């Protein structure tokens, strides 16, 4: 997993998993009840700077709890198993 962005991201984490397109990740996470954003996020120059076509973006807020984070991590692990 590669993280993109500043260390202090105000609860927004952009990332990419090697070998897995963010849209595929988003589809599998949706099956797990986890919603993320996937794509270039209207930031194509930034994506070009990082050399990626898209990233996944998870957002956390006051309503997010440990169960939400655990579900995201389970979904990422499932996605990695599916894509080997």
PDB file of N, CA and C in Angstrom:
ATOM      1  N   UNK A   1       0.855  -1.179   0.000  1.00  0.00           N
ATOM      2  CA  UNK A   1       0.000   0.000   0.000  1.00  0.00           C
ATOM      3  C   UNK A   1       0.891   1.229   0.000  1.00  0.00           C
ATOM      4  N   UNK A   2       0.626   2.142  -0.936  1.00  0.00           N
ATOM      5  CA  UNK A   2       1.356   3.398  -1.009  1.00  0.00           C
ATOM      6  C   UNK A   2       0.417   4.523  -0.617  1.00  0.00           C
ATOM      7  N   UNK A   3       0.832   5.343   0.349  1.00  0.00           N
ATOM      8  CA  UNK A   3       0.046   6.498   0.784  1.00  0.00           C
ATOM      9  C   UNK A   3       0.508   7.736   0.045  1.00  0.00           C
ATOM     10  N   UNK A   4      -0.448   8.629  -0.273  1.00  0.00           N
ATOM     11  CA  UNK A   4      -0.142   9.888  -0.937  1.00  0.00           C
ATOM     12  C   UNK A   4      -0.706  11.026  -0.095  1.00  0.00           C
ATOM     13  N   UNK A   5       0.043  12.104  -0.024  1.00  0.00           N
ATOM     14  CA  UNK A   5      -0.447  13.288   0.675  1.00  0.00           C
ATOM     15  C   UNK A   5       0.365  13.606   1.904  1.00  0.00           C
ATOM     16  N   UNK A   6      -0.002  14.708   2.550  1.00  0.00           N
ATOM     17  CA  UNK A   6       0.740  15.160   3.728  1.00  0.00           C
ATOM     18  C   UNK A   6       0.471  14.270   4.944  1.00  0.00           C
ATOM     19  N   UNK A   7       1.368  14.341   5.914  1.00  0.00           N
ATOM     20  CA  UNK A   7       1.179  13.570   7.148  1.00  0.00           C
ATOM     21  C   UNK A   7      -0.086  14.005   7.886  1.00  0.00           C
ATOM     22  N   UNK A   8      -0.381  15.274   7.870  1.00  0.00           N
ATOM     23  CA  UNK A   8      -1.585  15.805   8.517  1.00  0.00           C
ATOM     24  C   UNK A   8      -2.627  16.066   7.440  1.00  0.00           C
ATOM     25  N   UNK A   9      -3.452  15.075   7.170  1.00  0.00           N
ATOM     26  CA  UNK A   9      -4.367  15.153   6.034  1.00  0.00           C
ATOM     27  C   UNK A   9      -5.811  15.430   6.430  1.00  0.00           C
ATOM     28  N   UNK A  10      -6.061  15.817   7.654  1.00  0.00           N
ATOM     29  CA  UNK A  10      -7.415  16.167   8.107  1.00  0.00           C
ATOM     30  C   UNK A  10      -8.416  15.035   7.905  1.00  0.00           C
ATOM     31  N   UNK A  11      -7.976  13.797   8.092  1.00  0.00           N
ATOM     32  CA  UNK A  11      -8.890  12.664   8.018  1.00  0.00           C
ATOM     33  C   UNK A  11      -9.111  12.102   6.627  1.00  0.00           C
ATOM     34  N   UNK A  12      -8.345  12.566   5.648  1.00  0.00           N
ATOM     35  CA  UNK A  12      -8.469  12.065   4.283  1.00  0.00           C
ATOM     36  C   UNK A  12      -7.181  11.327   3.932  1.00  0.00           C
ATOM     37  N   UNK A  13      -7.318  10.066   3.522  1.00  0.00           N
ATOM     38  CA  UNK A  13      -6.153   9.253   3.200  1.00  0.00           C
ATOM     39  C   UNK A  13      -6.267   8.776   1.754  1.00  0.00           C
ATOM     40  N   UNK A  14      -5.352   9.224   0.906  1.00  0.00           N
ATOM     41  CA  UNK A  14      -5.288   8.758  -0.475  1.00  0.00           C
ATOM     42  C   UNK A  14      -4.233   7.673  -0.555  1.00  0.00           C
ATOM     43  N   UNK A  15      -4.568   6.579  -1.252  1.00  0.00           N
ATOM     44  CA  UNK A  15      -3.630   5.467  -1.304  1.00  0.00           C
ATOM     45  C   UNK A  15      -3.844   4.650  -2.567  1.00  0.00           C
ATOM     46  N   UNK A  16      -2.890   3.780  -2.824  1.00  0.00           N
ATOM     47  CA  UNK A  16      -2.958   2.852  -3.943  1.00  0.00           C
ATOM     48  C   UNK A  16      -2.345   1.534  -3.495  1.00  0.00           C
ATOM     49  N   UNK A  17      -2.897   0.435  -3.971  1.00  0.00           N
ATOM     50  CA  UNK A  17      -2.357  -0.884  -3.686  1.00  0.00           C
ATOM     51  C   UNK A  17      -1.752  -1.406  -4.982  1.00  0.00           C
ATOM     52  N   UNK A  18      -0.473  -1.779  -4.937  1.00  0.00           N
ATOM     53  CA  UNK A  18       0.217  -2.261  -6.135  1.00  0.00           C
ATOM     54  C   UNK A  18      -0.567  -3.373  -6.807  1.00  0.00           C
ATOM     55  N   UNK A  19      -0.782  -3.226  -8.121  1.00  0.00           N
ATOM     56  CA  UNK A  19      -1.434  -4.262  -8.902  1.00  0.00           C
ATOM     57  C   UNK A  19      -2.945  -4.267  -8.836  1.00  0.00           C
ATOM     58  N   UNK A  20      -3.538  -3.324  -8.106  1.00  0.00           N
ATOM     59  CA  UNK A  20      -4.996  -3.284  -7.969  1.00  0.00           C
ATOM     60  C   UNK A  20      -5.479  -1.879  -8.332  1.00  0.00           C
ATOM     61  N   UNK A  21      -6.336  -1.789  -9.332  1.00  0.00           N
ATOM     62  CA  UNK A  21      -6.864  -0.482  -9.713  1.00  0.00           C
ATOM     63  C   UNK A  21      -7.815   0.011  -8.621  1.00  0.00           C
ATOM     64  N   UNK A  22      -7.770   1.286  -8.300  1.00  0.00           N
ATOM     65  CA  UNK A  22      -8.646   1.819  -7.259  1.00  0.00           C
ATOM     66  C   UNK A  22     -10.133   1.561  -7.500  1.00  0.00           C
ATOM     67  N   UNK A  23     -10.568   1.522  -8.759  1.00  0.00           N
ATOM     68  CA  UNK A  23     -11.979   1.229  -9.012  1.00  0.00           C
ATOM     69  C   UNK A  23     -12.325  -0.211  -8.634  1.00  0.00           C
ATOM     70  N   UNK A  24     -11.403  -1.145  -8.863  1.00  0.00           N
ATOM     71  CA  UNK A  24     -11.623  -2.525  -8.428  1.00  0.00           C
ATOM     72  C   UNK A  24     -11.701  -2.594  -6.910  1.00  0.00           C
ATOM     73  N   UNK A  25     -10.795  -1.894  -6.249  1.00  0.00           N
ATOM     74  CA  UNK A  25     -10.819  -1.843  -4.788  1.00  0.00           C
ATOM     75  C   UNK A  25     -12.145  -1.272  -4.296  1.00  0.00           C
ATOM     76  N   UNK A  26     -12.583  -0.191  -4.915  1.00  0.00           N
ATOM     77  CA  UNK A  26     -13.847   0.429  -4.520  1.00  0.00           C
ATOM     78  C   UNK A  26     -15.029  -0.506  -4.665  1.00  0.00           C
ATOM     79  N   UNK A  27     -15.046  -1.301  -5.722  1.00  0.00           N
ATOM     80  CA  UNK A  27     -16.132  -2.248  -5.948  1.00  0.00           C
ATOM     81  C   UNK A  27     -16.158  -3.319  -4.857  1.00  0.00           C
ATOM     82  N   UNK A  28     -15.000  -3.856  -4.540  1.00  0.00           N
ATOM     83  CA  UNK A  28     -14.936  -4.906  -3.517  1.00  0.00           C
ATOM     84  C   UNK A  28     -15.253  -4.330  -2.136  1.00  0.00           C
ATOM     85  N   UNK A  29     -14.735  -3.154  -1.836  1.00  0.00           N
ATOM     86  CA  UNK A  29     -15.051  -2.533  -0.545  1.00  0.00           C
ATOM     87  C   UNK A  29     -16.547  -2.252  -0.434  1.00  0.00           C
ATOM     88  N   UNK A  30     -17.179  -1.863  -1.531  1.00  0.00           N
ATOM     89  CA  UNK A  30     -18.621  -1.626  -1.518  1.00  0.00           C
ATOM     90  C   UNK A  30     -19.374  -2.888  -1.112  1.00  0.00           C
ATOM     91  N   UNK A  31     -18.907  -4.049  -1.595  1.00  0.00           N
ATOM     92  CA  UNK A  31     -19.523  -5.321  -1.204  1.00  0.00           C
ATOM     93  C   UNK A  31     -19.394  -5.562   0.295  1.00  0.00           C
ATOM     94  N   UNK A  32     -18.380  -4.960   0.910  1.00  0.00           N
ATOM     95  CA  UNK A  32     -18.142  -5.104   2.352  1.00  0.00           C
ATOM     96  C   UNK A  32     -18.844  -4.006   3.156  1.00  0.00           C
ATOM     97  N   UNK A  33     -19.554  -3.121   2.460  1.00  0.00           N
ATOM     98  CA  UNK A  33     -20.247  -2.031   3.143  1.00  0.00           C
ATOM     99  C   UNK A  33     -19.356  -0.840   3.461  1.00  0.00           C
ATOM    100  N   UNK A  34     -18.231  -0.746   2.759  1.00  0.00           N
ATOM    101  CA  UNK A  34     -17.285   0.355   2.974  1.00  0.00           C
ATOM    102  C   UNK A  34     -17.289   1.241   1.738  1.00  0.00           C
ATOM    103  N   UNK A  35     -17.493   2.532   1.923  1.00  0.00           N
ATOM    104  CA  UNK A  35     -17.514   3.465   0.809  1.00  0.00           C
ATOM    105  C   UNK A  35     -16.209   4.254   0.767  1.00  0.00           C
ATOM    106  N   UNK A  36     -15.595   4.282  -0.406  1.00  0.00           N
ATOM    107  CA  UNK A  36     -14.420   5.110  -0.640  1.00  0.00           C
ATOM    108  C   UNK A  36     -14.634   5.844  -1.960  1.00  0.00           C
ATOM    109  N   UNK A  37     -13.769   6.776  -2.246  1.00  0.00           N
ATOM    110  CA  UNK A  37     -13.724   7.414  -3.563  1.00  0.00           C
ATOM    111  C   UNK A  37     -12.569   6.790  -4.326  1.00  0.00           C
ATOM    112  N   UNK A  38     -12.751   6.618  -5.624  1.00  0.00           N
ATOM    113  CA  UNK A  38     -11.687   6.075  -6.464  1.00  0.00           C
ATOM    114  C   UNK A  38     -11.636   6.862  -7.757  1.00  0.00           C
ATOM    115  N   UNK A  39     -10.439   7.228  -8.174  1.00  0.00           N
ATOM    116  CA  UNK A  39     -10.289   7.957  -9.426  1.00  0.00           C
ATOM    117  C   UNK A  39      -9.182   8.975  -9.341  1.00  0.00           C
ATOM    118  N   UNK A  40      -9.280   9.999 -10.184  1.00  0.00           N
ATOM    119  CA  UNK A  40      -8.237  11.029 -10.181  1.00  0.00           C
ATOM    120  C   UNK A  40      -8.638  12.228  -9.331  1.00  0.00           C
ATOM    121  N   UNK A  41      -9.845  12.249  -8.793  1.00  0.00           N
ATOM    122  CA  UNK A  41     -10.303  13.255  -7.830  1.00  0.00           C
ATOM    123  C   UNK A  41     -10.137  14.682  -8.365  1.00  0.00           C
ATOM    124  N   UNK A  42     -10.329  14.846  -9.674  1.00  0.00           N
ATOM    125  CA  UNK A  42     -10.181  16.154 -10.325  1.00  0.00           C
ATOM    126  C   UNK A  42      -8.803  16.756 -10.073  1.00  0.00           C
ATOM    127  N   UNK A  43      -7.811  15.905  -9.974  1.00  0.00           N
ATOM    128  CA  UNK A  43      -6.438  16.349  -9.701  1.00  0.00           C
ATOM    129  C   UNK A  43      -5.459  15.670 -10.651  1.00  0.00           C
ATOM    130  N   UNK A  44      -5.765  15.698 -11.943  1.00  0.00           N
ATOM    131  CA  UNK A  44      -4.936  15.018 -12.918  1.00  0.00           C
ATOM    132  C   UNK A  44      -3.476  15.480 -12.892  1.00  0.00           C
ATOM    133  N   UNK A  45      -3.186  16.790 -12.741  1.00  0.00           N
ATOM    134  CA  UNK A  45      -1.768  17.180 -12.669  1.00  0.00           C
ATOM    135  C   UNK A  45      -1.043  16.539 -11.479  1.00  0.00           C
ATOM    136  N   UNK A  46      -1.727  16.414 -10.353  1.00  0.00           N
ATOM    137  CA  UNK A  46      -1.117  15.777  -9.189  1.00  0.00           C
ATOM    138  C   UNK A  46      -0.903  14.284  -9.439  1.00  0.00           C
ATOM    139  N   UNK A  47      -1.885  13.639 -10.071  1.00  0.00           N
ATOM    140  CA  UNK A  47      -1.730  12.220 -10.399  1.00  0.00           C
ATOM    141  C   UNK A  47      -0.539  12.030 -11.339  1.00  0.00           C
ATOM    142  N   UNK A  48      -0.397  12.930 -12.315  1.00  0.00           N
ATOM    143  CA  UNK A  48       0.741  12.845 -13.242  1.00  0.00           C
ATOM    144  C   UNK A  48       2.056  13.038 -12.488  1.00  0.00           C
ATOM    145  N   UNK A  49       2.065  13.945 -11.521  1.00  0.00           N
ATOM    146  CA  UNK A  49       3.272  14.173 -10.708  1.00  0.00           C
ATOM    147  C   UNK A  49       3.679  12.895  -9.976  1.00  0.00           C
ATOM    148  N   UNK A  50       2.700  12.176  -9.438  1.00  0.00           N
ATOM    149  CA  UNK A  50       2.982  10.938  -8.708  1.00  0.00           C
ATOM    150  C   UNK A  50       3.150   9.739  -9.644  1.00  0.00           C
ATOM    151  N   UNK A  51       2.829   9.911 -10.919  1.00  0.00           N
ATOM    152  CA  UNK A  51       2.969   8.820 -11.868  1.00  0.00           C
ATOM    153  C   UNK A  51       1.908   7.744 -11.744  1.00  0.00           C
ATOM    154  N   UNK A  52       0.717   8.132 -11.306  1.00  0.00           N
ATOM    155  CA  UNK A  52      -0.393   7.186 -11.174  1.00  0.00           C
ATOM    156  C   UNK A  52      -1.602   7.725 -11.938  1.00  0.00           C
ATOM    157  N   UNK A  53      -2.470   6.833 -12.354  1.00  0.00           N
ATOM    158  CA  UNK A  53      -3.668   7.270 -13.073  1.00  0.00           C
ATOM    159  C   UNK A  53      -4.831   7.534 -12.130  1.00  0.00           C
ATOM    160  N   UNK A  54      -4.775   6.953 -10.945  1.00  0.00           N
ATOM    161  CA  UNK A  54      -5.873   7.094  -9.990  1.00  0.00           C
ATOM    162  C   UNK A  54      -5.409   6.666  -8.603  1.00  0.00           C
ATOM    163  N   UNK A  55      -6.144   7.101  -7.599  1.00  0.00           N
ATOM    164  CA  UNK A  55      -5.906   6.633  -6.235  1.00  0.00           C
ATOM    165  C   UNK A  55      -7.251   6.303  -5.589  1.00  0.00           C
ATOM    166  N   UNK A  56      -7.180   5.582  -4.498  1.00  0.00           N
ATOM    167  CA  UNK A  56      -8.341   5.354  -3.645  1.00  0.00           C
ATOM    168  C   UNK A  56      -8.267   6.390  -2.528  1.00  0.00           C
ATOM    169  N   UNK A  57      -9.427   6.845  -2.060  1.00  0.00           N
ATOM    170  CA  UNK A  57      -9.424   7.845  -0.994  1.00  0.00           C
ATOM    171  C   UNK A  57     -10.457   7.488   0.062  1.00  0.00           C
ATOM    172  N   UNK A  58      -9.975   7.290   1.273  1.00  0.00           N
ATOM    173  CA  UNK A  58     -10.851   7.028   2.408  1.00  0.00           C
ATOM    174  C   UNK A  58     -10.927   8.305   3.238  1.00  0.00           C
ATOM    175  N   UNK A  59     -12.118   8.628   3.705  1.00  0.00           N
ATOM    176  CA  UNK A  59     -12.316   9.821   4.516  1.00  0.00           C
ATOM    177  C   UNK A  59     -12.845   9.413   5.885  1.00  0.00           C
ATOM    178  N   UNK A  60     -12.273  10.005   6.894  1.00  0.00           N
ATOM    179  CA  UNK A  60     -12.685   9.721   8.266  1.00  0.00           C
ATOM    180  C   UNK A  60     -13.192  11.007   8.906  1.00  0.00           C
ATOM    181  N   UNK A  61     -14.220  10.881   9.718  1.00  0.00           N
ATOM    182  CA  UNK A  61     -14.789  12.043  10.379  1.00  0.00           C
ATOM    183  C   UNK A  61     -15.116  11.736  11.823  1.00  0.00           C
ATOM    184  N   UNK A  62     -15.804  12.656  12.456  1.00  0.00           N
ATOM    185  CA  UNK A  62     -16.173  12.475  13.861  1.00  0.00           C
ATOM    186  C   UNK A  62     -17.037  11.244  14.070  1.00  0.00           C
ATOM    187  N   UNK A  63     -17.786  10.867  13.054  1.00  0.00           N
ATOM    188  CA  UNK A  63     -18.683   9.721  13.138  1.00  0.00           C
ATOM    189  C   UNK A  63     -17.967   8.393  12.931  1.00  0.00           C
ATOM    190  N   UNK A  64     -16.746   8.432  12.419  1.00  0.00           N
ATOM    191  CA  UNK A  64     -15.991   7.201  12.166  1.00  0.00           C
ATOM    192  C   UNK A  64     -15.499   6.610  13.480  1.00  0.00           C
ATOM    193  N   UNK A  65     -15.516   5.289  13.551  1.00  0.00           N
ATOM    194  CA  UNK A  65     -15.018   4.644  14.764  1.00  0.00           C
ATOM    195  C   UNK A  65     -14.100   3.479  14.385  1.00  0.00           C
ATOM    196  N   UNK A  66     -13.627   2.771  15.392  1.00  0.00           N
ATOM    197  CA  UNK A  66     -12.695   1.670  15.153  1.00  0.00           C
ATOM    198  C   UNK A  66     -13.301   0.584  14.265  1.00  0.00           C
ATOM    199  N   UNK A  67     -14.599   0.380  14.366  1.00  0.00           N
ATOM    200  CA  UNK A  67     -15.258  -0.631  13.536  1.00  0.00           C
ATOM    201  C   UNK A  67     -15.178  -0.253  12.057  1.00  0.00           C
ATOM    202  N   UNK A  68     -15.280   1.040  11.752  1.00  0.00           N
ATOM    203  CA  UNK A  68     -15.165   1.493  10.366  1.00  0.00           C
ATOM    204  C   UNK A  68     -13.763   1.240   9.826  1.00  0.00           C
ATOM    205  N   UNK A  69     -12.775   1.530  10.621  1.00  0.00           N
ATOM    206  CA  UNK A  69     -11.386   1.312  10.213  1.00  0.00           C
ATOM    207  C   UNK A  69     -11.114  -0.180  10.045  1.00  0.00           C
ATOM    208  N   UNK A  70     -11.623  -0.985  10.963  1.00  0.00           N
ATOM    209  CA  UNK A  70     -11.450  -2.439  10.865  1.00  0.00           C
ATOM    210  C   UNK A  70     -12.109  -2.979   9.597  1.00  0.00           C
ATOM    211  N   UNK A  71     -13.288  -2.470   9.251  1.00  0.00           N
ATOM    212  CA  UNK A  71     -13.969  -2.914   8.027  1.00  0.00           C
ATOM    213  C   UNK A  71     -13.160  -2.538   6.787  1.00  0.00           C
ATOM    214  N   UNK A  72     -12.577  -1.339   6.783  1.00  0.00           N
ATOM    215  CA  UNK A  72     -11.725  -0.925   5.660  1.00  0.00           C
ATOM    216  C   UNK A  72     -10.528  -1.867   5.528  1.00  0.00           C
ATOM    217  N   UNK A  73      -9.883  -2.164   6.635  1.00  0.00           N
ATOM    218  CA  UNK A  73      -8.705  -3.035   6.597  1.00  0.00           C
ATOM    219  C   UNK A  73      -9.073  -4.450   6.167  1.00  0.00           C
ATOM    220  N   UNK A  74     -10.211  -4.966   6.629  1.00  0.00           N
ATOM    221  CA  UNK A  74     -10.675  -6.293   6.197  1.00  0.00           C
ATOM    222  C   UNK A  74     -10.945  -6.296   4.695  1.00  0.00           C
ATOM    223  N   UNK A  75     -11.559  -5.232   4.214  1.00  0.00           N
ATOM    224  CA  UNK A  75     -11.842  -5.136   2.787  1.00  0.00           C
ATOM    225  C   UNK A  75     -10.587  -5.055   1.944  1.00  0.00           C
ATOM    226  N   UNK A  76      -9.591  -4.323   2.420  1.00  0.00           N
ATOM    227  CA  UNK A  76      -8.313  -4.252   1.712  1.00  0.00           C
ATOM    228  C   UNK A  76      -7.653  -5.622   1.694  1.00  0.00           C
ATOM    229  N   UNK A  77      -7.675  -6.325   2.824  1.00  0.00           N
ATOM    230  CA  UNK A  77      -7.078  -7.665   2.888  1.00  0.00           C
ATOM    231  C   UNK A  77      -7.799  -8.611   1.933  1.00  0.00           C
ATOM    232  N   UNK A  78      -9.124  -8.535   1.879  1.00  0.00           N
ATOM    233  CA  UNK A  78      -9.890  -9.392   0.961  1.00  0.00           C
ATOM    234  C   UNK A  78      -9.518  -9.076  -0.486  1.00  0.00           C
ATOM    235  N   UNK A  79      -9.414  -7.806  -0.797  1.00  0.00           N
ATOM    236  CA  UNK A  79      -9.059  -7.398  -2.160  1.00  0.00           C
ATOM    237  C   UNK A  79      -7.680  -7.936  -2.542  1.00  0.00           C
ATOM    238  N   UNK A  80      -6.741  -7.859  -1.627  1.00  0.00           N
ATOM    239  CA  UNK A  80      -5.387  -8.373  -1.901  1.00  0.00           C
ATOM    240  C   UNK A  80      -5.408  -9.877  -2.115  1.00  0.00           C
ATOM    241  N   UNK A  81      -6.267 -10.607  -1.368  1.00  0.00           N
ATOM    242  CA  UNK A  81      -6.378 -12.052  -1.578  1.00  0.00           C
ATOM    243  C   UNK A  81      -6.960 -12.356  -2.957  1.00  0.00           C
ATOM    244  N   UNK A  82      -7.971 -11.597  -3.352  1.00  0.00           N
ATOM    245  CA  UNK A  82      -8.614 -11.817  -4.645  1.00  0.00           C
ATOM    246  C   UNK A  82      -7.639 -11.588  -5.788  1.00  0.00           C
ATOM    247  N   UNK A  83      -6.864 -10.520  -5.687  1.00  0.00           N
ATOM    248  CA  UNK A  83      -5.941 -10.172  -6.772  1.00  0.00           C
ATOM    249  C   UNK A  83      -4.576 -10.837  -6.631  1.00  0.00           C
ATOM    250  N   UNK A  84      -4.403 -11.590  -5.544  1.00  0.00           N
ATOM    251  CA  UNK A  84      -3.183 -12.369  -5.347  1.00  0.00           C
ATOM    252  C   UNK A  84      -1.984 -11.527  -5.185  1.00  0.00           C
TER     253      UNK A  84
END
